[in-house]
Amino acid sequence: MHRNQRWTALLASVVFAASAAAAPATSPVKRLGKTVIQHQDENVKAVLSWRYASQTFEKEQWLLLELAFAAEGKAVNLDREDVSLLTPGGERLGLPGQKRLAEGLKDVRWVVQKASVARDPLTGYFSRQTLEQRLPFFAIPGEQIVQDEIGGGPTTLTRGDLFFEAPSGAWKAGRYTLVLENKTMKVELPFNLPADEAKKDADGKTVPW
């Protein structure tokens, strides 16, 4: 009797372990729209828009991406060196400095103004934050302060633009990934240039990337 009970318990534990191993892990990445993607885990929530980049990447040497993020628990920080872009060819591009942006992009203000009419409402994807601060890695020359690091807790939303320069003078179509990685966060946000339509499930809801 006891032997049968032990075998039954052992068999149940094996079946449970096998089913748990077979169950796919929940992805922290979710596509929210045609040009919006989100990463959310226990540490951070980050949302990326590449709407303007999708419209202009074939014509411009500089790629503008809009990023918003906030801590989910303890405070998080982000340094310039923590940000990189993976290209379709596997090359990792670091975030350039403000000086290089000013040299390579003669009229930053004009580009930011053009992008302002092609922005996704990223703040609408955050509900707990009561304070918003600018992501200070880049600035319109003479108007804003540039900093190489920024941080904040769960009530602070950080939002702003990231600029990347095409290594060969032109951007290619394909899959890119924006990477934010340090001790407080590990985020990978994949996107396609040009943007494709977000996939839907049977209920018409956007499915994970």
N, C-alpha and C. Protein backbone atom coordinates (compact mmCIF):
# COMPACT_ATOMS: atom_id res chain seq x y z
N MET A 1 0.83 -1.20 0.00
CA MET A 1 0.00 0.00 0.00
C MET A 1 0.87 1.25 0.00
N HIS A 2 1.83 1.24 0.93
CA HIS A 2 2.70 2.41 1.02
C HIS A 2 3.59 2.51 -0.21
N ARG A 3 4.01 1.33 -0.75
CA ARG A 3 4.85 1.34 -1.95
C ARG A 3 4.09 1.95 -3.11
N ASN A 4 2.82 1.57 -3.25
CA ASN A 4 2.01 2.13 -4.34
C ASN A 4 1.85 3.64 -4.20
N GLN A 5 1.68 4.10 -2.97
CA GLN A 5 1.54 5.54 -2.74
C GLN A 5 2.82 6.28 -3.11
N ARG A 6 3.98 5.64 -2.75
CA ARG A 6 5.25 6.28 -3.07
C ARG A 6 5.46 6.36 -4.58
N TRP A 7 5.13 5.27 -5.29
CA TRP A 7 5.27 5.28 -6.74
C TRP A 7 4.34 6.29 -7.39
N THR A 8 3.12 6.39 -6.85
CA THR A 8 2.17 7.36 -7.39
C THR A 8 2.67 8.78 -7.20
N ALA A 9 3.21 9.06 -6.00
CA ALA A 9 3.73 10.40 -5.73
C ALA A 9 4.93 10.70 -6.60
N LEU A 10 5.81 9.68 -6.78
CA LEU A 10 6.99 9.88 -7.63
C LEU A 10 6.60 10.14 -9.07
N LEU A 11 5.63 9.36 -9.57
CA LEU A 11 5.18 9.54 -10.94
C LEU A 11 4.56 10.92 -11.14
N ALA A 12 3.79 11.37 -10.16
CA ALA A 12 3.15 12.69 -10.25
C ALA A 12 4.19 13.79 -10.28
N SER A 13 5.25 13.64 -9.46
CA SER A 13 6.29 14.67 -9.44
C SER A 13 7.06 14.71 -10.74
N VAL A 14 7.30 13.53 -11.34
CA VAL A 14 8.00 13.48 -12.62
C VAL A 14 7.17 14.12 -13.71
N VAL A 15 5.87 13.82 -13.74
CA VAL A 15 4.98 14.40 -14.74
C VAL A 15 4.91 15.91 -14.58
N PHE A 16 4.83 16.38 -13.33
CA PHE A 16 4.77 17.82 -13.07
C PHE A 16 6.04 18.52 -13.52
N ALA A 17 7.20 17.90 -13.21
CA ALA A 17 8.48 18.50 -13.60
C ALA A 17 8.61 18.56 -15.11
N ALA A 18 8.17 17.50 -15.78
CA ALA A 18 8.26 17.46 -17.24
C ALA A 18 7.37 18.52 -17.87
N SER A 19 6.16 18.67 -17.33
CA SER A 19 5.25 19.67 -17.88
C SER A 19 5.76 21.08 -17.62
N ALA A 20 6.38 21.28 -16.45
CA ALA A 20 6.93 22.60 -16.14
C ALA A 20 8.09 22.94 -17.06
N ALA A 21 8.91 21.92 -17.36
CA ALA A 21 10.05 22.16 -18.24
C ALA A 21 9.59 22.43 -19.66
N ALA A 22 8.48 21.81 -20.06
CA ALA A 22 7.98 21.98 -21.42
C ALA A 22 7.25 23.29 -21.61
N ALA A 23 6.77 23.89 -20.51
CA ALA A 23 6.01 25.13 -20.62
C ALA A 23 6.93 26.27 -21.04
N PRO A 24 6.57 27.02 -22.06
CA PRO A 24 7.42 28.11 -22.52
C PRO A 24 7.48 29.25 -21.51
N ALA A 25 8.66 29.83 -21.37
CA ALA A 25 8.81 30.96 -20.45
C ALA A 25 8.09 32.18 -21.01
N THR A 26 7.49 32.94 -20.12
CA THR A 26 6.79 34.15 -20.55
C THR A 26 7.80 35.21 -20.98
N SER A 27 7.63 35.73 -22.17
CA SER A 27 8.56 36.73 -22.68
C SER A 27 8.28 38.08 -22.05
N PRO A 28 9.31 38.83 -21.65
CA PRO A 28 9.10 40.17 -21.11
C PRO A 28 8.82 41.20 -22.20
N VAL A 29 8.95 40.79 -23.46
CA VAL A 29 8.80 41.71 -24.59
C VAL A 29 7.43 41.56 -25.23
N LYS A 30 6.77 42.69 -25.45
CA LYS A 30 5.44 42.68 -26.04
C LYS A 30 5.32 43.80 -27.06
N ARG A 31 4.81 43.48 -28.21
CA ARG A 31 4.56 44.47 -29.26
C ARG A 31 3.25 45.19 -28.93
N LEU A 32 3.30 46.50 -28.82
CA LEU A 32 2.12 47.29 -28.46
C LEU A 32 1.47 47.97 -29.65
N GLY A 33 2.16 48.02 -30.77
CA GLY A 33 1.63 48.67 -31.96
C GLY A 33 2.60 48.50 -33.10
N LYS A 34 2.31 49.10 -34.22
CA LYS A 34 3.17 48.94 -35.40
C LYS A 34 4.59 49.39 -35.14
N THR A 35 4.76 50.48 -34.39
CA THR A 35 6.10 51.00 -34.13
C THR A 35 6.35 51.21 -32.64
N VAL A 36 5.72 50.40 -31.81
CA VAL A 36 5.91 50.50 -30.35
C VAL A 36 6.12 49.10 -29.78
N ILE A 37 7.15 48.96 -28.97
CA ILE A 37 7.41 47.68 -28.32
C ILE A 37 7.80 47.93 -26.87
N GLN A 38 7.45 46.98 -26.00
CA GLN A 38 7.65 47.13 -24.56
C GLN A 38 8.42 45.95 -23.97
N HIS A 39 9.30 46.27 -23.04
CA HIS A 39 9.94 45.26 -22.19
C HIS A 39 9.52 45.55 -20.76
N GLN A 40 9.03 44.53 -20.06
CA GLN A 40 8.62 44.72 -18.67
C GLN A 40 8.99 43.48 -17.86
N ASP A 41 9.76 43.69 -16.80
CA ASP A 41 10.08 42.63 -15.86
C ASP A 41 9.99 43.19 -14.45
N GLU A 42 10.54 42.46 -13.47
CA GLU A 42 10.42 42.91 -12.08
C GLU A 42 11.28 44.12 -11.77
N ASN A 43 12.20 44.47 -12.65
CA ASN A 43 13.09 45.60 -12.40
C ASN A 43 12.71 46.88 -13.13
N VAL A 44 12.27 46.75 -14.37
CA VAL A 44 12.07 47.94 -15.19
C VAL A 44 11.01 47.71 -16.26
N LYS A 45 10.37 48.79 -16.63
CA LYS A 45 9.47 48.81 -17.78
C LYS A 45 10.04 49.82 -18.76
N ALA A 46 10.27 49.38 -19.99
CA ALA A 46 10.83 50.25 -21.02
C ALA A 46 10.01 50.13 -22.29
N VAL A 47 9.71 51.26 -22.90
CA VAL A 47 8.91 51.29 -24.13
C VAL A 47 9.68 52.06 -25.19
N LEU A 48 9.75 51.49 -26.38
CA LEU A 48 10.49 52.08 -27.49
C LEU A 48 9.55 52.39 -28.65
N SER A 49 9.73 53.56 -29.25
CA SER A 49 9.03 53.91 -30.48
C SER A 49 10.06 54.15 -31.57
N TRP A 50 9.84 53.53 -32.74
CA TRP A 50 10.73 53.76 -33.88
C TRP A 50 9.93 54.26 -35.09
N ARG A 51 8.87 54.97 -34.82
CA ARG A 51 8.00 55.47 -35.88
C ARG A 51 8.73 56.41 -36.83
N TYR A 52 9.41 57.40 -36.27
CA TYR A 52 10.14 58.35 -37.12
C TYR A 52 11.29 57.65 -37.84
N ALA A 53 11.97 56.77 -37.14
CA ALA A 53 13.08 56.04 -37.76
C ALA A 53 12.61 55.20 -38.93
N SER A 54 11.44 54.59 -38.80
CA SER A 54 10.90 53.76 -39.88
C SER A 54 10.61 54.58 -41.12
N GLN A 55 10.23 55.83 -40.92
CA GLN A 55 9.88 56.70 -42.04
C GLN A 55 11.10 57.30 -42.73
N THR A 56 12.22 57.38 -42.02
CA THR A 56 13.36 58.16 -42.53
C THR A 56 14.66 57.39 -42.67
N PHE A 57 14.74 56.14 -42.25
CA PHE A 57 16.04 55.46 -42.18
C PHE A 57 16.71 55.31 -43.54
N GLU A 58 15.95 55.24 -44.61
CA GLU A 58 16.55 55.08 -45.94
C GLU A 58 17.12 56.39 -46.49
N LYS A 59 16.75 57.50 -45.86
CA LYS A 59 17.16 58.81 -46.37
C LYS A 59 18.15 59.53 -45.47
N GLU A 60 18.24 59.15 -44.21
CA GLU A 60 19.05 59.89 -43.25
C GLU A 60 20.14 59.03 -42.64
N GLN A 61 21.26 59.64 -42.36
CA GLN A 61 22.40 58.93 -41.78
C GLN A 61 22.23 58.72 -40.28
N TRP A 62 21.41 59.56 -39.66
CA TRP A 62 21.19 59.46 -38.22
C TRP A 62 19.82 58.88 -37.94
N LEU A 63 19.78 57.91 -37.03
CA LEU A 63 18.55 57.23 -36.65
C LEU A 63 18.07 57.79 -35.32
N LEU A 64 16.82 58.26 -35.27
CA LEU A 64 16.25 58.79 -34.03
C LEU A 64 15.25 57.78 -33.48
N LEU A 65 15.47 57.35 -32.25
CA LEU A 65 14.58 56.44 -31.54
C LEU A 65 14.08 57.13 -30.28
N GLU A 66 12.83 56.91 -29.93
CA GLU A 66 12.29 57.50 -28.70
C GLU A 66 12.13 56.41 -27.64
N LEU A 67 12.67 56.67 -26.46
CA LEU A 67 12.66 55.70 -25.37
C LEU A 67 12.03 56.29 -24.12
N ALA A 68 11.25 55.47 -23.42
CA ALA A 68 10.70 55.84 -22.12
C ALA A 68 10.88 54.65 -21.19
N PHE A 69 11.27 54.92 -19.94
CA PHE A 69 11.41 53.80 -19.00
C PHE A 69 11.18 54.27 -17.58
N ALA A 70 10.84 53.31 -16.71
CA ALA A 70 10.63 53.59 -15.29
C ALA A 70 10.91 52.32 -14.51
N ALA A 71 11.36 52.49 -13.28
CA ALA A 71 11.63 51.34 -12.41
C ALA A 71 10.32 50.67 -12.02
N GLU A 72 10.37 49.37 -11.86
CA GLU A 72 9.22 48.61 -11.39
C GLU A 72 9.30 48.36 -9.88
N GLY A 73 10.47 48.47 -9.33
CA GLY A 73 10.67 48.25 -7.90
C GLY A 73 11.71 49.23 -7.38
N LYS A 74 12.92 48.71 -7.14
CA LYS A 74 14.01 49.58 -6.70
C LYS A 74 14.42 50.53 -7.82
N ALA A 75 15.06 51.62 -7.45
CA ALA A 75 15.50 52.61 -8.44
C ALA A 75 16.45 51.98 -9.45
N VAL A 76 16.37 52.45 -10.68
CA VAL A 76 17.26 51.99 -11.75
C VAL A 76 18.04 53.18 -12.28
N ASN A 77 19.16 52.90 -12.91
CA ASN A 77 19.95 53.97 -13.52
C ASN A 77 20.37 53.53 -14.91
N LEU A 78 20.70 54.50 -15.75
CA LEU A 78 21.13 54.21 -17.10
C LEU A 78 22.23 55.19 -17.48
N ASP A 79 23.37 54.65 -17.90
CA ASP A 79 24.49 55.46 -18.37
C ASP A 79 24.55 55.40 -19.90
N ARG A 80 25.19 56.38 -20.48
CA ARG A 80 25.33 56.40 -21.94
C ARG A 80 25.97 55.10 -22.45
N GLU A 81 26.98 54.62 -21.74
CA GLU A 81 27.70 53.42 -22.18
C GLU A 81 26.87 52.15 -22.04
N ASP A 82 25.73 52.23 -21.37
CA ASP A 82 24.86 51.06 -21.20
C ASP A 82 23.95 50.84 -22.41
N VAL A 83 23.94 51.78 -23.33
CA VAL A 83 23.00 51.75 -24.46
C VAL A 83 23.74 51.37 -25.74
N SER A 84 23.18 50.42 -26.47
CA SER A 84 23.78 50.03 -27.75
C SER A 84 22.70 49.58 -28.71
N LEU A 85 23.07 49.47 -29.97
CA LEU A 85 22.14 49.05 -31.02
C LEU A 85 22.77 47.92 -31.81
N LEU A 86 22.06 46.78 -31.88
CA LEU A 86 22.52 45.66 -32.68
C LEU A 86 21.93 45.78 -34.08
N THR A 87 22.77 45.67 -35.09
CA THR A 87 22.33 45.81 -36.47
C THR A 87 21.98 44.44 -37.06
N PRO A 88 21.32 44.42 -38.22
CA PRO A 88 20.99 43.14 -38.86
C PRO A 88 22.22 42.28 -39.15
N GLY A 89 23.36 42.92 -39.34
CA GLY A 89 24.59 42.18 -39.61
C GLY A 89 25.33 41.72 -38.37
N GLY A 90 24.78 42.01 -37.18
CA GLY A 90 25.39 41.57 -35.94
C GLY A 90 26.35 42.57 -35.32
N GLU A 91 26.51 43.73 -35.93
CA GLU A 91 27.41 44.76 -35.38
C GLU A 91 26.73 45.48 -34.21
N ARG A 92 27.50 45.76 -33.17
CA ARG A 92 26.97 46.49 -32.01
C ARG A 92 27.47 47.93 -32.07
N LEU A 93 26.52 48.86 -32.14
CA LEU A 93 26.85 50.28 -32.21
C LEU A 93 26.66 50.92 -30.85
N GLY A 94 27.67 51.60 -30.36
CA GLY A 94 27.54 52.33 -29.12
C GLY A 94 26.83 53.66 -29.35
N LEU A 95 26.33 54.22 -28.28
CA LEU A 95 25.66 55.51 -28.37
C LEU A 95 26.72 56.60 -28.53
N PRO A 96 26.64 57.42 -29.58
CA PRO A 96 27.64 58.47 -29.77
C PRO A 96 27.49 59.58 -28.74
N GLY A 97 28.48 60.44 -28.66
CA GLY A 97 28.41 61.57 -27.75
C GLY A 97 27.71 62.77 -28.37
N GLN A 98 27.39 63.75 -27.55
CA GLN A 98 26.73 64.96 -28.02
C GLN A 98 27.60 65.71 -29.04
N LYS A 99 28.91 65.71 -28.83
CA LYS A 99 29.81 66.41 -29.76
C LYS A 99 29.73 65.81 -31.15
N ARG A 100 29.72 64.48 -31.22
CA ARG A 100 29.65 63.82 -32.53
C ARG A 100 28.30 64.09 -33.19
N LEU A 101 27.23 64.12 -32.41
CA LEU A 101 25.90 64.42 -32.96
C LEU A 101 25.89 65.82 -33.56
N ALA A 102 26.44 66.79 -32.84
CA ALA A 102 26.46 68.17 -33.33
C ALA A 102 27.30 68.32 -34.59
N GLU A 103 28.36 67.52 -34.70
CA GLU A 103 29.21 67.56 -35.88
C GLU A 103 28.55 66.89 -37.08
N GLY A 104 27.89 65.76 -36.82
CA GLY A 104 27.32 64.99 -37.92
C GLY A 104 25.93 65.41 -38.34
N LEU A 105 25.19 66.02 -37.42
CA LEU A 105 23.82 66.45 -37.71
C LEU A 105 23.77 67.95 -37.50
N LYS A 106 23.83 68.69 -38.57
CA LYS A 106 24.02 70.14 -38.49
C LYS A 106 22.85 70.87 -37.84
N ASP A 107 21.65 70.36 -37.99
CA ASP A 107 20.48 71.04 -37.42
C ASP A 107 19.66 70.06 -36.60
N VAL A 108 20.09 69.84 -35.37
CA VAL A 108 19.41 68.91 -34.48
C VAL A 108 17.99 69.37 -34.20
N ARG A 109 17.81 70.67 -34.03
CA ARG A 109 16.48 71.21 -33.75
C ARG A 109 15.49 70.84 -34.85
N TRP A 110 15.90 70.97 -36.11
CA TRP A 110 15.01 70.70 -37.23
C TRP A 110 14.59 69.23 -37.25
N VAL A 111 15.52 68.33 -36.96
CA VAL A 111 15.21 66.90 -36.92
C VAL A 111 14.23 66.60 -35.79
N VAL A 112 14.46 67.17 -34.62
CA VAL A 112 13.56 66.96 -33.48
C VAL A 112 12.17 67.51 -33.78
N GLN A 113 12.10 68.65 -34.45
CA GLN A 113 10.81 69.22 -34.83
C GLN A 113 10.08 68.32 -35.82
N LYS A 114 10.79 67.79 -36.79
CA LYS A 114 10.17 66.87 -37.75
C LYS A 114 9.67 65.61 -37.04
N ALA A 115 10.45 65.11 -36.11
CA ALA A 115 10.06 63.90 -35.38
C ALA A 115 8.86 64.13 -34.48
N SER A 116 8.65 65.37 -34.05
CA SER A 116 7.55 65.67 -33.12
C SER A 116 6.18 65.40 -33.72
N VAL A 117 6.07 65.41 -35.04
CA VAL A 117 4.77 65.14 -35.68
C VAL A 117 4.62 63.66 -36.01
N ALA A 118 5.61 62.86 -35.65
CA ALA A 118 5.56 61.42 -35.94
C ALA A 118 5.91 60.62 -34.69
N ARG A 119 5.39 61.06 -33.56
CA ARG A 119 5.71 60.38 -32.30
C ARG A 119 4.53 59.54 -31.81
N ASP A 120 4.85 58.43 -31.19
CA ASP A 120 3.84 57.62 -30.52
C ASP A 120 3.69 58.13 -29.08
N PRO A 121 2.48 58.07 -28.51
CA PRO A 121 2.24 58.59 -27.15
C PRO A 121 2.76 57.64 -26.08
N LEU A 122 4.06 57.64 -25.86
CA LEU A 122 4.67 56.67 -24.95
C LEU A 122 4.24 56.85 -23.51
N THR A 123 3.98 58.07 -23.10
CA THR A 123 3.59 58.29 -21.69
C THR A 123 2.29 57.58 -21.35
N GLY A 124 1.46 57.30 -22.34
CA GLY A 124 0.20 56.61 -22.09
C GLY A 124 0.36 55.17 -21.66
N TYR A 125 1.55 54.61 -21.82
CA TYR A 125 1.80 53.23 -21.42
C TYR A 125 2.30 53.13 -19.99
N PHE A 126 2.40 54.26 -19.29
CA PHE A 126 2.83 54.29 -17.90
C PHE A 126 1.74 54.94 -17.06
N SER A 127 1.38 54.30 -15.94
CA SER A 127 0.26 54.81 -15.14
C SER A 127 0.65 55.20 -13.72
N ARG A 128 1.75 54.67 -13.19
CA ARG A 128 2.10 54.92 -11.78
C ARG A 128 2.99 56.13 -11.59
N GLN A 129 3.55 56.64 -12.65
CA GLN A 129 4.57 57.69 -12.54
C GLN A 129 3.93 59.07 -12.36
N THR A 130 4.44 59.83 -11.40
CA THR A 130 3.92 61.17 -11.12
C THR A 130 4.91 62.26 -11.52
N LEU A 131 6.13 61.87 -11.88
CA LEU A 131 7.16 62.82 -12.27
C LEU A 131 7.80 62.36 -13.57
N GLU A 132 7.99 63.29 -14.51
CA GLU A 132 8.66 62.95 -15.76
C GLU A 132 9.94 63.76 -15.90
N GLN A 133 11.01 63.10 -16.30
CA GLN A 133 12.28 63.77 -16.52
C GLN A 133 12.81 63.42 -17.91
N ARG A 134 13.59 64.33 -18.45
CA ARG A 134 14.13 64.15 -19.80
C ARG A 134 15.34 63.22 -19.80
N LEU A 135 15.38 62.32 -20.77
CA LEU A 135 16.57 61.51 -20.97
C LEU A 135 17.67 62.43 -21.52
N PRO A 136 18.75 62.66 -20.77
CA PRO A 136 19.66 63.77 -21.09
C PRO A 136 20.90 63.42 -21.91
N PHE A 137 20.88 62.31 -22.64
CA PHE A 137 22.08 61.92 -23.38
C PHE A 137 22.36 62.83 -24.58
N PHE A 138 21.29 63.45 -25.11
CA PHE A 138 21.43 64.36 -26.24
C PHE A 138 20.61 65.61 -25.99
N ALA A 139 20.94 66.68 -26.70
CA ALA A 139 20.22 67.93 -26.50
C ALA A 139 20.32 68.79 -27.76
N ILE A 140 19.38 69.71 -27.88
CA ILE A 140 19.49 70.74 -28.91
C ILE A 140 20.59 71.68 -28.45
N PRO A 141 21.65 71.85 -29.24
CA PRO A 141 22.80 72.67 -28.81
C PRO A 141 22.39 74.05 -28.31
N GLY A 142 22.91 74.41 -27.14
CA GLY A 142 22.66 75.73 -26.58
C GLY A 142 21.36 75.87 -25.83
N GLU A 143 20.55 74.80 -25.78
CA GLU A 143 19.24 74.93 -25.14
C GLU A 143 19.04 74.00 -23.95
N GLN A 144 19.72 72.87 -23.95
CA GLN A 144 19.51 71.88 -22.90
C GLN A 144 20.85 71.38 -22.37
N ILE A 145 20.81 70.80 -21.19
CA ILE A 145 22.00 70.26 -20.56
C ILE A 145 22.15 68.79 -20.94
N VAL A 146 23.37 68.40 -21.25
CA VAL A 146 23.67 67.01 -21.59
C VAL A 146 24.32 66.32 -20.39
N GLN A 147 23.85 65.13 -20.07
CA GLN A 147 24.43 64.32 -19.00
C GLN A 147 24.65 62.91 -19.53
N ASP A 148 25.59 62.20 -18.92
CA ASP A 148 25.90 60.84 -19.36
C ASP A 148 25.24 59.77 -18.50
N GLU A 149 24.45 60.17 -17.51
CA GLU A 149 23.75 59.19 -16.69
C GLU A 149 22.46 59.78 -16.15
N ILE A 150 21.52 58.88 -15.87
CA ILE A 150 20.22 59.29 -15.34
C ILE A 150 19.67 58.13 -14.52
N GLY A 151 18.86 58.43 -13.53
CA GLY A 151 18.27 57.39 -12.69
C GLY A 151 16.94 57.83 -12.15
N GLY A 152 16.21 56.88 -11.58
CA GLY A 152 14.91 57.21 -11.02
C GLY A 152 14.23 56.00 -10.42
N GLY A 153 13.26 56.27 -9.54
CA GLY A 153 12.49 55.22 -8.90
C GLY A 153 11.20 54.94 -9.65
N PRO A 154 10.29 54.16 -9.04
CA PRO A 154 9.07 53.75 -9.72
C PRO A 154 8.07 54.87 -9.99
N THR A 155 8.22 56.02 -9.34
CA THR A 155 7.30 57.12 -9.60
C THR A 155 7.84 58.11 -10.63
N THR A 156 9.01 57.82 -11.17
CA THR A 156 9.65 58.73 -12.13
C THR A 156 9.72 58.10 -13.51
N LEU A 157 9.20 58.80 -14.50
CA LEU A 157 9.27 58.38 -15.89
C LEU A 157 10.39 59.15 -16.58
N THR A 158 11.28 58.43 -17.22
CA THR A 158 12.37 59.04 -17.99
C THR A 158 12.07 58.84 -19.47
N ARG A 159 12.07 59.93 -20.23
CA ARG A 159 11.69 59.84 -21.64
C ARG A 159 12.55 60.78 -22.48
N GLY A 160 12.93 60.33 -23.66
CA GLY A 160 13.72 61.19 -24.54
C GLY A 160 14.18 60.46 -25.78
N ASP A 161 15.01 61.15 -26.56
CA ASP A 161 15.47 60.64 -27.86
C ASP A 161 16.87 60.06 -27.77
N LEU A 162 17.08 59.01 -28.55
CA LEU A 162 18.40 58.42 -28.74
C LEU A 162 18.78 58.56 -30.21
N PHE A 163 20.03 58.88 -30.47
CA PHE A 163 20.52 59.02 -31.84
C PHE A 163 21.65 58.02 -32.10
N PHE A 164 21.57 57.37 -33.24
CA PHE A 164 22.64 56.48 -33.67
C PHE A 164 23.06 56.87 -35.08
N GLU A 165 24.36 56.75 -35.36
CA GLU A 165 24.89 57.09 -36.67
C GLU A 165 25.17 55.83 -37.47
N ALA A 166 24.73 55.81 -38.72
CA ALA A 166 24.97 54.65 -39.59
C ALA A 166 26.47 54.46 -39.79
N PRO A 167 27.02 53.29 -39.50
CA PRO A 167 28.47 53.09 -39.60
C PRO A 167 29.02 53.20 -41.01
N SER A 168 28.19 52.90 -42.00
CA SER A 168 28.65 52.97 -43.39
C SER A 168 27.98 54.10 -44.16
N GLY A 169 27.34 55.00 -43.43
CA GLY A 169 26.69 56.14 -44.08
C GLY A 169 25.24 55.92 -44.45
N ALA A 170 24.75 54.68 -44.32
CA ALA A 170 23.36 54.39 -44.67
C ALA A 170 22.86 53.22 -43.83
N TRP A 171 21.57 53.24 -43.53
CA TRP A 171 20.95 52.17 -42.77
C TRP A 171 20.35 51.14 -43.72
N LYS A 172 20.45 49.87 -43.33
CA LYS A 172 19.89 48.79 -44.13
C LYS A 172 18.58 48.31 -43.53
N ALA A 173 17.70 47.80 -44.37
CA ALA A 173 16.46 47.21 -43.88
C ALA A 173 16.79 45.92 -43.12
N GLY A 174 15.97 45.62 -42.10
CA GLY A 174 16.19 44.39 -41.34
C GLY A 174 15.86 44.54 -39.88
N ARG A 175 16.26 43.53 -39.09
CA ARG A 175 15.98 43.49 -37.66
C ARG A 175 17.09 44.16 -36.85
N TYR A 176 16.70 45.11 -36.03
CA TYR A 176 17.60 45.80 -35.11
C TYR A 176 17.15 45.50 -33.68
N THR A 177 18.04 45.68 -32.73
CA THR A 177 17.70 45.50 -31.32
C THR A 177 18.36 46.60 -30.49
N LEU A 178 17.53 47.35 -29.76
CA LEU A 178 18.06 48.33 -28.82
C LEU A 178 18.33 47.61 -27.51
N VAL A 179 19.54 47.76 -26.99
CA VAL A 179 19.95 47.07 -25.77
C VAL A 179 20.27 48.08 -24.68
N LEU A 180 19.69 47.86 -23.49
CA LEU A 180 19.99 48.64 -22.29
C LEU A 180 20.44 47.64 -21.24
N GLU A 181 21.69 47.72 -20.84
CA GLU A 181 22.18 46.68 -19.93
C GLU A 181 23.19 47.23 -18.92
N ASN A 182 22.88 46.98 -17.65
CA ASN A 182 23.79 47.29 -16.55
C ASN A 182 23.36 46.46 -15.34
N LYS A 183 23.81 46.81 -14.15
CA LYS A 183 23.49 46.02 -12.96
C LYS A 183 22.02 46.14 -12.56
N THR A 184 21.33 47.19 -12.99
CA THR A 184 19.95 47.39 -12.58
C THR A 184 18.93 46.99 -13.63
N MET A 185 19.37 46.74 -14.86
CA MET A 185 18.42 46.35 -15.90
C MET A 185 19.12 45.59 -17.02
N LYS A 186 18.35 44.74 -17.67
CA LYS A 186 18.80 44.05 -18.88
C LYS A 186 17.62 44.02 -19.84
N VAL A 187 17.66 44.90 -20.82
CA VAL A 187 16.52 45.11 -21.73
C VAL A 187 16.98 44.92 -23.17
N GLU A 188 16.18 44.17 -23.93
CA GLU A 188 16.41 44.04 -25.37
C GLU A 188 15.09 44.32 -26.08
N LEU A 189 15.10 45.32 -26.94
CA LEU A 189 13.89 45.76 -27.65
C LEU A 189 14.12 45.61 -29.15
N PRO A 190 13.62 44.52 -29.75
CA PRO A 190 13.82 44.30 -31.19
C PRO A 190 12.81 45.07 -32.03
N PHE A 191 13.24 45.50 -33.21
CA PHE A 191 12.33 46.19 -34.12
C PHE A 191 12.84 46.05 -35.55
N ASN A 192 11.93 46.19 -36.49
CA ASN A 192 12.28 46.06 -37.90
C ASN A 192 12.25 47.42 -38.59
N LEU A 193 13.17 47.60 -39.51
CA LEU A 193 13.17 48.75 -40.41
C LEU A 193 13.07 48.24 -41.85
N PRO A 194 12.02 48.61 -42.57
CA PRO A 194 10.88 49.42 -42.11
C PRO A 194 9.97 48.60 -41.19
N ALA A 195 9.10 49.30 -40.48
CA ALA A 195 8.21 48.62 -39.54
C ALA A 195 7.21 47.75 -40.29
N ASP A 196 6.96 46.55 -39.74
CA ASP A 196 5.93 45.69 -40.28
C ASP A 196 4.70 45.78 -39.39
N GLU A 197 3.60 45.22 -39.84
CA GLU A 197 2.38 45.25 -39.06
C GLU A 197 2.51 44.33 -37.85
N ALA A 198 2.00 44.77 -36.70
CA ALA A 198 2.03 43.95 -35.50
C ALA A 198 1.12 42.74 -35.68
N LYS A 199 1.58 41.57 -35.22
CA LYS A 199 0.79 40.35 -35.34
C LYS A 199 -0.34 40.36 -34.32
N LYS A 200 -1.45 39.76 -34.70
CA LYS A 200 -2.62 39.70 -33.83
C LYS A 200 -3.00 38.25 -33.56
N ASP A 201 -3.62 38.01 -32.39
CA ASP A 201 -4.14 36.67 -32.13
C ASP A 201 -5.58 36.59 -32.58
N ALA A 202 -6.26 35.48 -32.24
CA ALA A 202 -7.63 35.26 -32.71
C ALA A 202 -8.60 36.30 -32.16
N ASP A 203 -8.27 36.89 -31.01
CA ASP A 203 -9.15 37.89 -30.39
C ASP A 203 -8.83 39.30 -30.87
N GLY A 204 -7.88 39.42 -31.77
CA GLY A 204 -7.54 40.74 -32.29
C GLY A 204 -6.57 41.50 -31.43
N LYS A 205 -5.98 40.84 -30.41
CA LYS A 205 -5.03 41.50 -29.53
C LYS A 205 -3.61 41.31 -30.06
N THR A 206 -2.78 42.32 -29.83
CA THR A 206 -1.39 42.22 -30.24
C THR A 206 -0.68 41.15 -29.42
N VAL A 207 0.07 40.30 -30.08
CA VAL A 207 0.75 39.21 -29.38
C VAL A 207 2.20 39.61 -29.12
N PRO A 208 2.89 38.89 -28.17
CA PRO A 208 4.29 39.20 -27.91
C PRO A 208 5.11 39.11 -29.18
N TRP A 209 6.22 39.84 -29.19
CA TRP A 209 7.08 39.92 -30.37
C TRP A 209 7.52 38.52 -30.79
